[in-house]
N, C-alpha and C. Protein backbone atom coordinates (compact mmCIF):
# COMPACT_ATOMS: atom_id res chain seq x y z
N MET A 1 -20.17 47.26 -40.61
CA MET A 1 -21.39 46.47 -40.71
C MET A 1 -21.81 46.04 -39.31
N SER A 2 -23.04 46.26 -38.94
CA SER A 2 -23.53 45.90 -37.61
C SER A 2 -23.89 44.42 -37.58
N ALA A 3 -23.68 43.81 -36.41
CA ALA A 3 -24.00 42.39 -36.24
C ALA A 3 -25.51 42.21 -36.21
N GLU A 4 -25.96 41.08 -36.74
CA GLU A 4 -27.39 40.79 -36.70
C GLU A 4 -27.81 40.48 -35.27
N ARG A 5 -28.99 40.95 -34.91
CA ARG A 5 -29.51 40.70 -33.58
C ARG A 5 -30.24 39.36 -33.55
N SER A 6 -30.11 38.68 -32.42
CA SER A 6 -30.79 37.39 -32.27
C SER A 6 -32.25 37.64 -31.90
N ASP A 7 -33.01 36.57 -31.83
CA ASP A 7 -34.43 36.67 -31.48
C ASP A 7 -34.66 36.71 -29.98
N ARG A 8 -33.61 36.57 -29.20
CA ARG A 8 -33.80 36.54 -27.75
C ARG A 8 -34.11 37.94 -27.22
N ALA A 9 -34.79 37.98 -26.07
CA ALA A 9 -35.13 39.26 -25.45
C ALA A 9 -33.87 39.96 -24.97
N THR A 10 -33.80 41.25 -25.21
CA THR A 10 -32.65 42.07 -24.81
C THR A 10 -33.14 43.39 -24.25
N PRO A 11 -32.28 44.12 -23.54
CA PRO A 11 -32.65 45.46 -23.09
C PRO A 11 -32.94 46.36 -24.30
N PRO A 12 -33.79 47.35 -24.12
CA PRO A 12 -34.08 48.26 -25.23
C PRO A 12 -32.84 49.06 -25.65
N ILE A 13 -32.76 49.40 -26.90
CA ILE A 13 -31.64 50.20 -27.42
C ILE A 13 -32.05 51.68 -27.37
N VAL A 14 -31.20 52.49 -26.75
CA VAL A 14 -31.49 53.92 -26.62
C VAL A 14 -30.27 54.72 -27.07
N SER A 15 -30.40 56.03 -27.11
CA SER A 15 -29.27 56.89 -27.45
C SER A 15 -28.29 56.96 -26.27
N ALA A 16 -27.08 57.43 -26.55
CA ALA A 16 -26.07 57.55 -25.49
C ALA A 16 -26.56 58.47 -24.37
N ALA A 17 -27.21 59.55 -24.73
CA ALA A 17 -27.71 60.49 -23.72
C ALA A 17 -28.78 59.84 -22.83
N GLU A 18 -29.67 59.05 -23.45
CA GLU A 18 -30.70 58.38 -22.67
C GLU A 18 -30.09 57.32 -21.76
N TRP A 19 -29.06 56.63 -22.26
CA TRP A 19 -28.40 55.63 -21.44
C TRP A 19 -27.73 56.28 -20.23
N GLU A 20 -27.04 57.40 -20.46
CA GLU A 20 -26.37 58.11 -19.36
C GLU A 20 -27.39 58.55 -18.31
N GLN A 21 -28.56 58.98 -18.74
CA GLN A 21 -29.59 59.41 -17.80
C GLN A 21 -30.09 58.23 -16.96
N ALA A 22 -30.32 57.11 -17.61
CA ALA A 22 -30.79 55.92 -16.90
C ALA A 22 -29.72 55.40 -15.94
N ARG A 23 -28.46 55.44 -16.40
CA ARG A 23 -27.35 54.98 -15.54
C ARG A 23 -27.21 55.88 -14.33
N ALA A 24 -27.38 57.18 -14.52
CA ALA A 24 -27.28 58.12 -13.40
C ALA A 24 -28.38 57.88 -12.37
N ALA A 25 -29.57 57.54 -12.83
CA ALA A 25 -30.67 57.26 -11.91
C ALA A 25 -30.38 56.00 -11.10
N LEU A 26 -29.82 54.98 -11.77
CA LEU A 26 -29.47 53.75 -11.06
C LEU A 26 -28.35 54.01 -10.05
N LEU A 27 -27.40 54.88 -10.41
CA LEU A 27 -26.29 55.19 -9.52
C LEU A 27 -26.78 55.79 -8.21
N VAL A 28 -27.81 56.59 -8.27
CA VAL A 28 -28.39 57.16 -7.05
C VAL A 28 -28.86 56.04 -6.12
N ALA A 29 -29.55 55.04 -6.70
CA ALA A 29 -30.03 53.90 -5.91
C ALA A 29 -28.86 53.07 -5.39
N GLU A 30 -27.83 52.88 -6.22
CA GLU A 30 -26.66 52.09 -5.80
C GLU A 30 -25.94 52.77 -4.63
N LYS A 31 -25.78 54.09 -4.70
CA LYS A 31 -25.11 54.81 -3.61
C LYS A 31 -25.93 54.74 -2.33
N ARG A 32 -27.25 54.82 -2.48
CA ARG A 32 -28.12 54.71 -1.31
C ARG A 32 -27.97 53.34 -0.66
N THR A 33 -27.88 52.30 -1.49
CA THR A 33 -27.69 50.94 -0.98
C THR A 33 -26.33 50.79 -0.31
N THR A 34 -25.29 51.37 -0.91
CA THR A 34 -23.95 51.30 -0.33
C THR A 34 -23.92 51.94 1.05
N ARG A 35 -24.54 53.11 1.17
CA ARG A 35 -24.57 53.78 2.47
C ARG A 35 -25.34 52.94 3.49
N ALA A 36 -26.42 52.30 3.05
CA ALA A 36 -27.18 51.44 3.96
C ALA A 36 -26.35 50.24 4.39
N GLU A 37 -25.61 49.66 3.45
CA GLU A 37 -24.76 48.51 3.79
C GLU A 37 -23.65 48.92 4.74
N ASP A 38 -23.09 50.12 4.55
CA ASP A 38 -22.07 50.62 5.47
C ASP A 38 -22.63 50.77 6.88
N ALA A 39 -23.86 51.25 6.96
CA ALA A 39 -24.50 51.43 8.27
C ALA A 39 -24.74 50.08 8.95
N VAL A 40 -25.17 49.09 8.16
CA VAL A 40 -25.39 47.75 8.72
C VAL A 40 -24.06 47.15 9.19
N ALA A 41 -23.00 47.34 8.40
CA ALA A 41 -21.69 46.83 8.79
C ALA A 41 -21.21 47.48 10.09
N ALA A 42 -21.49 48.76 10.25
CA ALA A 42 -21.12 49.46 11.48
C ALA A 42 -21.89 48.88 12.67
N GLN A 43 -23.18 48.59 12.45
CA GLN A 43 -23.98 47.98 13.51
C GLN A 43 -23.48 46.57 13.82
N ARG A 44 -23.06 45.86 12.79
CA ARG A 44 -22.54 44.49 12.97
C ARG A 44 -21.27 44.51 13.83
N ARG A 45 -20.42 45.52 13.62
CA ARG A 45 -19.19 45.62 14.40
C ARG A 45 -19.47 45.93 15.87
N ARG A 46 -20.66 46.37 16.16
CA ARG A 46 -21.03 46.70 17.54
C ARG A 46 -21.87 45.62 18.22
N LEU A 47 -22.03 44.48 17.55
CA LEU A 47 -22.77 43.37 18.17
C LEU A 47 -22.04 42.89 19.42
N PRO A 48 -22.78 42.53 20.47
CA PRO A 48 -22.13 41.87 21.60
C PRO A 48 -21.73 40.46 21.20
N MET A 49 -21.07 39.74 22.09
CA MET A 49 -20.68 38.37 21.79
C MET A 49 -21.12 37.47 22.93
N VAL A 50 -21.17 36.16 22.64
CA VAL A 50 -21.63 35.19 23.63
C VAL A 50 -20.62 34.05 23.72
N ARG A 51 -20.33 33.63 24.94
CA ARG A 51 -19.37 32.54 25.13
C ARG A 51 -19.93 31.26 24.51
N PHE A 52 -19.05 30.50 23.87
CA PHE A 52 -19.46 29.27 23.20
C PHE A 52 -18.56 28.15 23.69
N ARG A 53 -19.15 27.01 23.97
CA ARG A 53 -18.36 25.88 24.46
C ARG A 53 -17.39 25.40 23.39
N THR A 54 -16.29 24.81 23.81
CA THR A 54 -15.24 24.42 22.88
C THR A 54 -14.97 22.93 22.84
N ASP A 55 -15.54 22.15 23.76
CA ASP A 55 -15.12 20.77 23.95
C ASP A 55 -15.84 19.76 23.06
N TYR A 56 -16.12 20.13 21.83
CA TYR A 56 -16.75 19.20 20.90
C TYR A 56 -15.71 18.22 20.35
N ALA A 57 -16.09 16.97 20.21
CA ALA A 57 -15.19 15.96 19.65
C ALA A 57 -15.40 15.90 18.14
N LEU A 58 -14.81 16.86 17.44
CA LEU A 58 -14.90 16.90 15.98
C LEU A 58 -13.83 15.99 15.38
N ALA A 59 -14.08 15.54 14.16
CA ALA A 59 -13.13 14.64 13.50
C ALA A 59 -12.56 15.34 12.27
N GLY A 60 -11.23 15.50 12.24
CA GLY A 60 -10.56 16.08 11.08
C GLY A 60 -9.70 15.04 10.41
N PRO A 61 -9.18 15.35 9.23
CA PRO A 61 -8.33 14.39 8.51
C PRO A 61 -7.13 13.94 9.33
N GLY A 62 -6.67 14.81 10.25
CA GLY A 62 -5.51 14.45 11.07
C GLY A 62 -5.85 13.92 12.44
N GLY A 63 -7.15 13.77 12.74
CA GLY A 63 -7.53 13.24 14.05
C GLY A 63 -8.56 14.11 14.74
N ARG A 64 -8.70 13.91 16.05
CA ARG A 64 -9.71 14.61 16.83
C ARG A 64 -9.39 16.09 16.95
N LEU A 65 -10.44 16.91 16.89
CA LEU A 65 -10.30 18.35 17.01
C LEU A 65 -11.39 18.88 17.93
N ASP A 66 -11.11 20.00 18.61
CA ASP A 66 -12.17 20.72 19.29
C ASP A 66 -12.27 22.10 18.64
N LEU A 67 -13.18 22.92 19.12
CA LEU A 67 -13.42 24.22 18.48
C LEU A 67 -12.17 25.10 18.52
N LEU A 68 -11.42 25.05 19.60
CA LEU A 68 -10.20 25.85 19.69
C LEU A 68 -9.20 25.47 18.60
N ASP A 69 -9.09 24.18 18.30
CA ASP A 69 -8.15 23.71 17.28
C ASP A 69 -8.44 24.33 15.91
N LEU A 70 -9.72 24.61 15.64
CA LEU A 70 -10.08 25.12 14.33
C LEU A 70 -9.55 26.53 14.08
N PHE A 71 -9.16 27.24 15.13
CA PHE A 71 -8.60 28.58 14.98
C PHE A 71 -7.17 28.54 14.42
N SER A 72 -6.51 27.39 14.52
CA SER A 72 -5.12 27.25 14.07
C SER A 72 -4.22 28.33 14.65
N GLY A 73 -4.48 28.68 15.91
CA GLY A 73 -3.65 29.66 16.59
C GLY A 73 -4.02 31.11 16.32
N ARG A 74 -4.99 31.34 15.46
CA ARG A 74 -5.39 32.72 15.15
C ARG A 74 -6.51 33.17 16.10
N SER A 75 -6.83 34.46 16.05
CA SER A 75 -7.80 35.00 17.01
C SER A 75 -9.23 35.01 16.50
N GLN A 76 -9.42 34.95 15.17
CA GLN A 76 -10.76 35.00 14.60
C GLN A 76 -10.98 33.80 13.67
N LEU A 77 -12.23 33.34 13.65
CA LEU A 77 -12.55 32.15 12.86
C LEU A 77 -13.87 32.35 12.13
N VAL A 78 -13.86 32.08 10.83
CA VAL A 78 -15.08 31.98 10.04
C VAL A 78 -15.36 30.50 9.83
N LEU A 79 -16.54 30.06 10.24
CA LEU A 79 -16.87 28.64 10.18
C LEU A 79 -18.18 28.46 9.42
N TYR A 80 -18.11 27.68 8.35
CA TYR A 80 -19.30 27.39 7.56
C TYR A 80 -19.80 26.00 7.89
N GLN A 81 -21.04 25.91 8.39
CA GLN A 81 -21.66 24.61 8.66
C GLN A 81 -22.35 24.14 7.38
N PHE A 82 -21.75 23.14 6.74
CA PHE A 82 -22.19 22.58 5.46
C PHE A 82 -23.33 21.59 5.73
N MET A 83 -24.45 21.75 5.06
CA MET A 83 -25.60 20.89 5.28
C MET A 83 -25.27 19.43 4.96
N ASP A 84 -25.75 18.54 5.81
CA ASP A 84 -25.64 17.10 5.56
C ASP A 84 -26.89 16.66 4.81
N ALA A 85 -26.74 16.33 3.53
CA ALA A 85 -27.87 15.94 2.69
C ALA A 85 -28.03 14.43 2.59
N GLY A 86 -27.30 13.69 3.41
CA GLY A 86 -27.43 12.24 3.40
C GLY A 86 -26.31 11.56 2.61
N PRO A 87 -26.23 10.24 2.71
CA PRO A 87 -25.18 9.49 2.01
C PRO A 87 -25.23 9.72 0.50
N ASP A 88 -24.04 9.87 -0.09
CA ASP A 88 -23.89 9.99 -1.54
C ASP A 88 -24.54 11.26 -2.11
N HIS A 89 -24.83 12.24 -1.26
CA HIS A 89 -25.41 13.49 -1.74
C HIS A 89 -24.67 14.68 -1.13
N LEU A 90 -24.58 15.75 -1.91
CA LEU A 90 -24.05 17.01 -1.41
C LEU A 90 -25.09 18.09 -1.61
N CYS A 91 -25.32 18.89 -0.59
CA CYS A 91 -26.25 20.02 -0.72
C CYS A 91 -25.79 20.90 -1.88
N PRO A 92 -26.65 21.13 -2.89
CA PRO A 92 -26.21 21.94 -4.04
C PRO A 92 -25.86 23.37 -3.68
N GLY A 93 -26.60 23.97 -2.74
CA GLY A 93 -26.29 25.34 -2.34
C GLY A 93 -24.96 25.43 -1.62
N CYS A 94 -24.71 24.49 -0.69
CA CYS A 94 -23.44 24.47 0.02
C CYS A 94 -22.28 24.19 -0.93
N THR A 95 -22.52 23.32 -1.89
CA THR A 95 -21.49 23.02 -2.88
C THR A 95 -21.16 24.25 -3.71
N TRP A 96 -22.19 24.97 -4.15
CA TRP A 96 -21.99 26.20 -4.92
C TRP A 96 -21.22 27.23 -4.11
N PHE A 97 -21.60 27.37 -2.84
CA PHE A 97 -20.93 28.32 -1.96
C PHE A 97 -19.46 27.95 -1.78
N THR A 98 -19.20 26.67 -1.51
CA THR A 98 -17.83 26.23 -1.25
C THR A 98 -16.96 26.35 -2.49
N HIS A 99 -17.54 26.12 -3.66
CA HIS A 99 -16.80 26.34 -4.91
C HIS A 99 -16.32 27.79 -5.01
N GLY A 100 -17.05 28.70 -4.39
CA GLY A 100 -16.73 30.12 -4.52
C GLY A 100 -15.74 30.65 -3.50
N VAL A 101 -15.15 29.75 -2.70
CA VAL A 101 -14.16 30.17 -1.69
C VAL A 101 -12.77 29.84 -2.22
N PRO A 102 -12.07 30.80 -2.82
CA PRO A 102 -10.75 30.52 -3.42
C PRO A 102 -9.66 30.40 -2.36
N ALA A 103 -8.70 29.52 -2.63
CA ALA A 103 -7.61 29.29 -1.68
C ALA A 103 -6.82 30.56 -1.40
N HIS A 104 -6.60 31.39 -2.42
CA HIS A 104 -5.80 32.59 -2.19
C HIS A 104 -6.51 33.57 -1.27
N ALA A 105 -7.86 33.53 -1.25
CA ALA A 105 -8.60 34.41 -0.34
C ALA A 105 -8.37 33.96 1.11
N LEU A 106 -8.31 32.64 1.33
CA LEU A 106 -8.04 32.14 2.67
C LEU A 106 -6.64 32.51 3.13
N GLU A 107 -5.71 32.55 2.19
CA GLU A 107 -4.35 32.97 2.51
C GLU A 107 -4.33 34.43 2.96
N ARG A 108 -5.09 35.27 2.27
CA ARG A 108 -5.15 36.69 2.66
C ARG A 108 -5.81 36.84 4.03
N LEU A 109 -6.87 36.05 4.29
CA LEU A 109 -7.51 36.10 5.59
C LEU A 109 -6.54 35.69 6.69
N ALA A 110 -5.75 34.65 6.43
CA ALA A 110 -4.79 34.18 7.42
C ALA A 110 -3.78 35.27 7.78
N GLU A 111 -3.43 36.09 6.79
CA GLU A 111 -2.49 37.18 7.04
C GLU A 111 -3.08 38.25 7.97
N THR A 112 -4.42 38.27 8.07
CA THR A 112 -5.08 39.23 8.96
C THR A 112 -5.61 38.54 10.22
N ASP A 113 -5.02 37.40 10.57
CA ASP A 113 -5.33 36.69 11.81
C ASP A 113 -6.71 36.04 11.79
N VAL A 114 -7.15 35.59 10.61
CA VAL A 114 -8.46 34.97 10.47
C VAL A 114 -8.31 33.57 9.86
N SER A 115 -8.92 32.58 10.48
CA SER A 115 -8.96 31.23 9.92
C SER A 115 -10.34 30.95 9.34
N TRP A 116 -10.38 30.02 8.41
CA TRP A 116 -11.65 29.60 7.80
C TRP A 116 -11.69 28.07 7.81
N VAL A 117 -12.83 27.51 8.20
CA VAL A 117 -12.98 26.06 8.19
C VAL A 117 -14.43 25.71 7.87
N THR A 118 -14.62 24.58 7.23
CA THR A 118 -15.96 24.06 6.95
C THR A 118 -16.20 22.85 7.82
N VAL A 119 -17.36 22.82 8.49
CA VAL A 119 -17.74 21.71 9.36
C VAL A 119 -19.07 21.18 8.87
N SER A 120 -19.28 19.88 8.99
CA SER A 120 -20.54 19.27 8.56
C SER A 120 -20.85 18.05 9.41
N ASP A 121 -22.14 17.74 9.53
CA ASP A 121 -22.55 16.49 10.18
C ASP A 121 -22.33 15.29 9.28
N MET A 122 -21.88 15.51 8.05
CA MET A 122 -21.52 14.39 7.19
C MET A 122 -20.39 13.59 7.84
N PRO A 123 -20.37 12.26 7.67
CA PRO A 123 -19.23 11.47 8.16
C PRO A 123 -17.93 11.97 7.54
N LEU A 124 -16.85 11.84 8.28
CA LEU A 124 -15.56 12.33 7.81
C LEU A 124 -15.17 11.70 6.47
N ALA A 125 -15.44 10.41 6.30
CA ALA A 125 -15.07 9.75 5.05
C ALA A 125 -15.82 10.36 3.87
N GLN A 126 -17.09 10.70 4.07
CA GLN A 126 -17.87 11.32 3.01
C GLN A 126 -17.33 12.71 2.68
N MET A 127 -16.98 13.47 3.72
CA MET A 127 -16.40 14.79 3.48
C MET A 127 -15.08 14.68 2.73
N SER A 128 -14.24 13.76 3.16
CA SER A 128 -12.93 13.59 2.52
C SER A 128 -13.08 13.25 1.05
N GLN A 129 -14.03 12.37 0.74
CA GLN A 129 -14.28 12.00 -0.65
C GLN A 129 -14.78 13.20 -1.45
N ALA A 130 -15.67 13.99 -0.85
CA ALA A 130 -16.19 15.17 -1.54
C ALA A 130 -15.08 16.18 -1.78
N TRP A 131 -14.25 16.42 -0.79
CA TRP A 131 -13.16 17.39 -0.93
C TRP A 131 -12.19 16.96 -2.02
N GLU A 132 -11.90 15.67 -2.06
CA GLU A 132 -10.97 15.18 -3.09
C GLU A 132 -11.58 15.29 -4.48
N SER A 133 -12.85 14.91 -4.62
CA SER A 133 -13.47 14.93 -5.95
C SER A 133 -13.69 16.35 -6.44
N MET A 134 -13.95 17.29 -5.53
CA MET A 134 -14.19 18.68 -5.91
C MET A 134 -12.90 19.49 -6.02
N GLY A 135 -11.81 18.95 -5.49
CA GLY A 135 -10.56 19.68 -5.53
C GLY A 135 -10.49 20.82 -4.52
N TRP A 136 -11.31 20.74 -3.46
CA TRP A 136 -11.33 21.80 -2.46
C TRP A 136 -10.12 21.69 -1.54
N THR A 137 -9.55 22.82 -1.16
CA THR A 137 -8.41 22.85 -0.24
C THR A 137 -8.78 23.50 1.09
N ILE A 138 -10.04 23.82 1.28
CA ILE A 138 -10.50 24.45 2.52
C ILE A 138 -10.39 23.47 3.68
N PRO A 139 -9.85 23.87 4.81
CA PRO A 139 -9.81 22.99 5.98
C PRO A 139 -11.22 22.54 6.36
N TYR A 140 -11.36 21.30 6.83
CA TYR A 140 -12.69 20.78 7.14
C TYR A 140 -12.63 19.82 8.32
N ALA A 141 -13.81 19.63 8.91
CA ALA A 141 -13.95 18.68 10.01
C ALA A 141 -15.39 18.18 10.04
N SER A 142 -15.58 17.00 10.58
CA SER A 142 -16.91 16.42 10.71
C SER A 142 -17.42 16.59 12.13
N SER A 143 -18.67 17.04 12.23
CA SER A 143 -19.32 17.17 13.54
C SER A 143 -20.31 16.02 13.78
N GLU A 144 -20.18 14.95 12.99
CA GLU A 144 -21.08 13.80 13.11
C GLU A 144 -21.09 13.29 14.55
N GLY A 145 -22.28 13.01 15.08
CA GLY A 145 -22.40 12.44 16.40
C GLY A 145 -22.28 13.44 17.54
N THR A 146 -22.15 14.73 17.22
CA THR A 146 -22.06 15.77 18.25
C THR A 146 -23.30 16.67 18.17
N THR A 147 -23.42 17.56 19.14
CA THR A 147 -24.52 18.53 19.14
C THR A 147 -24.08 19.86 18.54
N PHE A 148 -22.93 19.87 17.88
CA PHE A 148 -22.36 21.13 17.41
C PHE A 148 -23.32 21.88 16.49
N SER A 149 -23.83 21.22 15.46
CA SER A 149 -24.73 21.88 14.51
C SER A 149 -25.99 22.39 15.22
N THR A 150 -26.53 21.59 16.11
CA THR A 150 -27.73 21.99 16.86
C THR A 150 -27.43 23.18 17.75
N ASP A 151 -26.28 23.16 18.43
CA ASP A 151 -25.92 24.25 19.33
C ASP A 151 -25.69 25.55 18.56
N LEU A 152 -25.23 25.43 17.32
CA LEU A 152 -25.05 26.61 16.48
C LEU A 152 -26.39 27.21 16.06
N GLY A 153 -27.43 26.35 16.04
CA GLY A 153 -28.72 26.79 15.52
C GLY A 153 -28.90 26.43 14.07
N ALA A 154 -27.94 25.68 13.51
CA ALA A 154 -28.04 25.28 12.10
C ALA A 154 -29.01 24.13 11.92
N GLY A 155 -29.13 23.29 12.95
CA GLY A 155 -29.99 22.11 12.82
C GLY A 155 -29.54 21.27 11.65
N GLY A 156 -30.45 20.97 10.74
CA GLY A 156 -30.09 20.20 9.56
C GLY A 156 -29.75 21.08 8.37
N GLY A 157 -29.61 22.38 8.60
CA GLY A 157 -29.35 23.31 7.51
C GLY A 157 -27.91 23.78 7.44
N PHE A 158 -27.72 24.98 6.87
CA PHE A 158 -26.38 25.54 6.73
C PHE A 158 -26.34 26.89 7.44
N LEU A 159 -25.14 27.31 7.85
CA LEU A 159 -25.01 28.53 8.62
C LEU A 159 -23.56 28.99 8.59
N LEU A 160 -23.35 30.29 8.36
CA LEU A 160 -22.02 30.87 8.45
C LEU A 160 -21.88 31.51 9.82
N ASN A 161 -20.79 31.23 10.51
CA ASN A 161 -20.55 31.71 11.87
C ASN A 161 -19.23 32.44 11.95
N VAL A 162 -19.16 33.40 12.86
CA VAL A 162 -17.90 34.10 13.14
C VAL A 162 -17.63 33.99 14.63
N PHE A 163 -16.39 33.59 14.96
CA PHE A 163 -15.99 33.41 16.35
C PHE A 163 -14.74 34.25 16.65
N LEU A 164 -14.62 34.65 17.90
CA LEU A 164 -13.45 35.37 18.39
C LEU A 164 -12.87 34.59 19.56
N ARG A 165 -11.55 34.42 19.56
CA ARG A 165 -10.89 33.69 20.64
C ARG A 165 -10.13 34.65 21.53
N GLU A 166 -10.34 34.51 22.83
CA GLU A 166 -9.59 35.24 23.84
C GLU A 166 -8.93 34.21 24.74
N GLY A 167 -7.66 33.90 24.46
CA GLY A 167 -6.99 32.84 25.20
C GLY A 167 -7.66 31.51 24.92
N ALA A 168 -8.14 30.84 25.97
CA ALA A 168 -8.81 29.55 25.83
C ALA A 168 -10.33 29.69 25.74
N GLU A 169 -10.82 30.92 25.76
CA GLU A 169 -12.26 31.17 25.68
C GLU A 169 -12.64 31.52 24.24
N VAL A 170 -13.79 30.99 23.79
CA VAL A 170 -14.28 31.26 22.44
C VAL A 170 -15.65 31.92 22.54
N TYR A 171 -15.85 32.95 21.72
CA TYR A 171 -17.10 33.69 21.72
C TYR A 171 -17.65 33.75 20.30
N ARG A 172 -18.97 33.61 20.18
CA ARG A 172 -19.60 33.77 18.86
C ARG A 172 -20.03 35.22 18.72
N THR A 173 -19.66 35.82 17.59
CA THR A 173 -19.95 37.24 17.37
C THR A 173 -20.97 37.48 16.27
N TYR A 174 -21.16 36.51 15.36
CA TYR A 174 -22.06 36.76 14.23
C TYR A 174 -22.46 35.45 13.58
N THR A 175 -23.67 35.41 13.02
CA THR A 175 -24.11 34.30 12.19
C THR A 175 -24.96 34.85 11.05
N THR A 176 -25.00 34.11 9.95
CA THR A 176 -25.92 34.45 8.86
C THR A 176 -26.20 33.19 8.05
N THR A 177 -27.32 33.20 7.34
CA THR A 177 -27.69 32.06 6.50
C THR A 177 -28.53 32.56 5.33
N GLN A 178 -29.03 31.65 4.51
CA GLN A 178 -29.89 31.99 3.38
C GLN A 178 -29.25 33.11 2.52
N ARG A 179 -29.95 34.24 2.33
CA ARG A 179 -29.43 35.29 1.46
C ARG A 179 -28.17 35.97 2.03
N GLY A 180 -27.99 35.87 3.36
CA GLY A 180 -26.78 36.40 3.95
C GLY A 180 -25.55 35.66 3.49
N VAL A 181 -25.68 34.35 3.25
CA VAL A 181 -24.60 33.55 2.69
C VAL A 181 -24.51 33.75 1.19
N ASP A 182 -25.66 33.80 0.55
CA ASP A 182 -25.75 33.96 -0.90
C ASP A 182 -24.96 35.18 -1.39
N ARG A 183 -25.03 36.29 -0.66
CA ARG A 183 -24.39 37.53 -1.12
C ARG A 183 -22.87 37.47 -1.06
N LEU A 184 -22.32 36.45 -0.38
CA LEU A 184 -20.87 36.32 -0.26
C LEU A 184 -20.24 35.58 -1.44
N VAL A 185 -21.07 34.97 -2.29
CA VAL A 185 -20.54 34.19 -3.42
C VAL A 185 -20.14 35.14 -4.55
N PHE A 186 -18.88 35.07 -4.95
CA PHE A 186 -18.33 35.99 -5.95
C PHE A 186 -19.12 35.94 -7.26
N THR A 187 -19.39 34.72 -7.75
CA THR A 187 -20.08 34.61 -9.04
C THR A 187 -21.49 35.18 -8.97
N ASN A 188 -22.15 35.05 -7.82
CA ASN A 188 -23.48 35.65 -7.67
C ASN A 188 -23.41 37.17 -7.75
N SER A 189 -22.41 37.75 -7.10
CA SER A 189 -22.26 39.20 -7.10
C SER A 189 -22.00 39.73 -8.51
N ILE A 190 -21.17 39.01 -9.28
CA ILE A 190 -20.90 39.43 -10.65
C ILE A 190 -22.14 39.25 -11.52
N ALA A 191 -22.85 38.12 -11.34
CA ALA A 191 -24.06 37.87 -12.14
C ALA A 191 -25.11 38.95 -11.92
N ASP A 192 -25.16 39.51 -10.70
CA ASP A 192 -26.13 40.56 -10.41
C ASP A 192 -25.86 41.84 -11.20
N LEU A 193 -24.67 41.96 -11.79
CA LEU A 193 -24.33 43.12 -12.61
C LEU A 193 -24.67 42.91 -14.09
N LEU A 194 -24.98 41.69 -14.47
CA LEU A 194 -25.17 41.36 -15.88
C LEU A 194 -26.60 41.65 -16.34
N PRO A 195 -26.80 41.88 -17.63
CA PRO A 195 -28.14 42.21 -18.12
C PRO A 195 -29.17 41.12 -17.85
N TYR A 196 -28.75 39.84 -17.86
CA TYR A 196 -29.68 38.76 -17.60
C TYR A 196 -29.64 38.30 -16.13
N GLY A 197 -28.81 38.95 -15.31
CA GLY A 197 -28.74 38.57 -13.91
C GLY A 197 -28.26 37.15 -13.72
N ARG A 198 -28.78 36.48 -12.73
CA ARG A 198 -28.41 35.08 -12.48
C ARG A 198 -29.24 34.11 -13.32
N GLN A 199 -30.24 34.61 -13.99
CA GLN A 199 -31.15 33.82 -14.82
C GLN A 199 -31.87 32.76 -13.99
N GLN A 200 -32.21 33.13 -12.75
CA GLN A 200 -32.93 32.23 -11.87
C GLN A 200 -34.37 32.69 -11.70
N SER A 201 -35.26 31.73 -11.48
CA SER A 201 -36.69 31.99 -11.55
C SER A 201 -37.21 32.91 -10.45
N TRP A 202 -36.48 33.08 -9.36
CA TRP A 202 -36.96 33.94 -8.27
C TRP A 202 -36.70 35.42 -8.56
N GLU A 203 -35.84 35.72 -9.54
CA GLU A 203 -35.46 37.11 -9.78
C GLU A 203 -36.59 37.91 -10.44
N ASP A 204 -36.66 39.18 -10.08
CA ASP A 204 -37.59 40.12 -10.71
C ASP A 204 -36.92 40.64 -11.98
N SER A 205 -37.19 39.99 -13.10
CA SER A 205 -36.58 40.34 -14.38
C SER A 205 -37.66 40.72 -15.39
N PRO A 206 -37.29 41.41 -16.46
CA PRO A 206 -38.28 41.75 -17.49
C PRO A 206 -38.89 40.50 -18.12
N GLU A 207 -40.04 40.67 -18.71
CA GLU A 207 -40.72 39.56 -19.37
C GLU A 207 -39.85 38.97 -20.46
N ASP A 208 -39.85 37.65 -20.55
CA ASP A 208 -39.13 36.88 -21.56
C ASP A 208 -37.62 36.79 -21.29
N TRP A 209 -37.16 37.29 -20.14
CA TRP A 209 -35.74 37.11 -19.79
C TRP A 209 -35.48 35.62 -19.54
N PRO A 210 -34.32 35.10 -19.93
CA PRO A 210 -34.03 33.67 -19.69
C PRO A 210 -33.93 33.40 -18.19
N GLN A 211 -34.66 32.41 -17.72
CA GLN A 211 -34.65 32.02 -16.32
C GLN A 211 -34.80 30.52 -16.16
N HIS A 212 -34.28 30.01 -15.06
CA HIS A 212 -34.39 28.57 -14.75
C HIS A 212 -34.42 28.41 -13.24
N PRO A 213 -34.82 27.25 -12.74
CA PRO A 213 -34.79 27.03 -11.28
C PRO A 213 -33.40 27.23 -10.73
N THR A 214 -33.29 27.68 -9.50
CA THR A 214 -32.01 28.03 -8.92
C THR A 214 -30.98 26.92 -9.05
N TYR A 215 -31.38 25.69 -8.75
CA TYR A 215 -30.44 24.57 -8.84
C TYR A 215 -30.81 23.63 -9.98
N GLY A 216 -31.42 24.18 -11.01
CA GLY A 216 -31.80 23.37 -12.16
C GLY A 216 -30.64 23.09 -13.08
């Protein structure tokens, strides 16, 4: 006995042969995108780097830190600048992104000589409270009162940065923000495979597909 269909909008029902044909057409586009992404990654690996100052007076749970300290002795650093949305507020996009960074992934990165840390212009006490309430285990530091966020180019926003350390010298090799950060979230990547997608209002979806504001 077949299950009754709901009244909600769904993809059209076709024969197995028609589905295979449609899937094959999509696969052509997916492979083209994969090759394009591989080419961009190759170009990214060939980016030059720029020396970055290290003497910022950042505040961590254990005391004062500078940029070199955030490497924890490793040679590469991924640093996420978390937007400061003011007292008693957390940027919803940064919160969503940080929720998607699993502790075991950071352990695997550490095994490949990569550290990860989150920095924000939020006061250290506010960050500590947020980390405790959210259950986050990601290393963090406050850049409150410094020019760190401005020097990164994040200003009052958010930015993912990649740094390389050569002895006592630190170089910035890459930055990304907006959709560049969005694509790194695991749940977003999986949602993009689903028939209803992320169900967000900016998506190009068929008529009557369920959608809501991104942070609604």
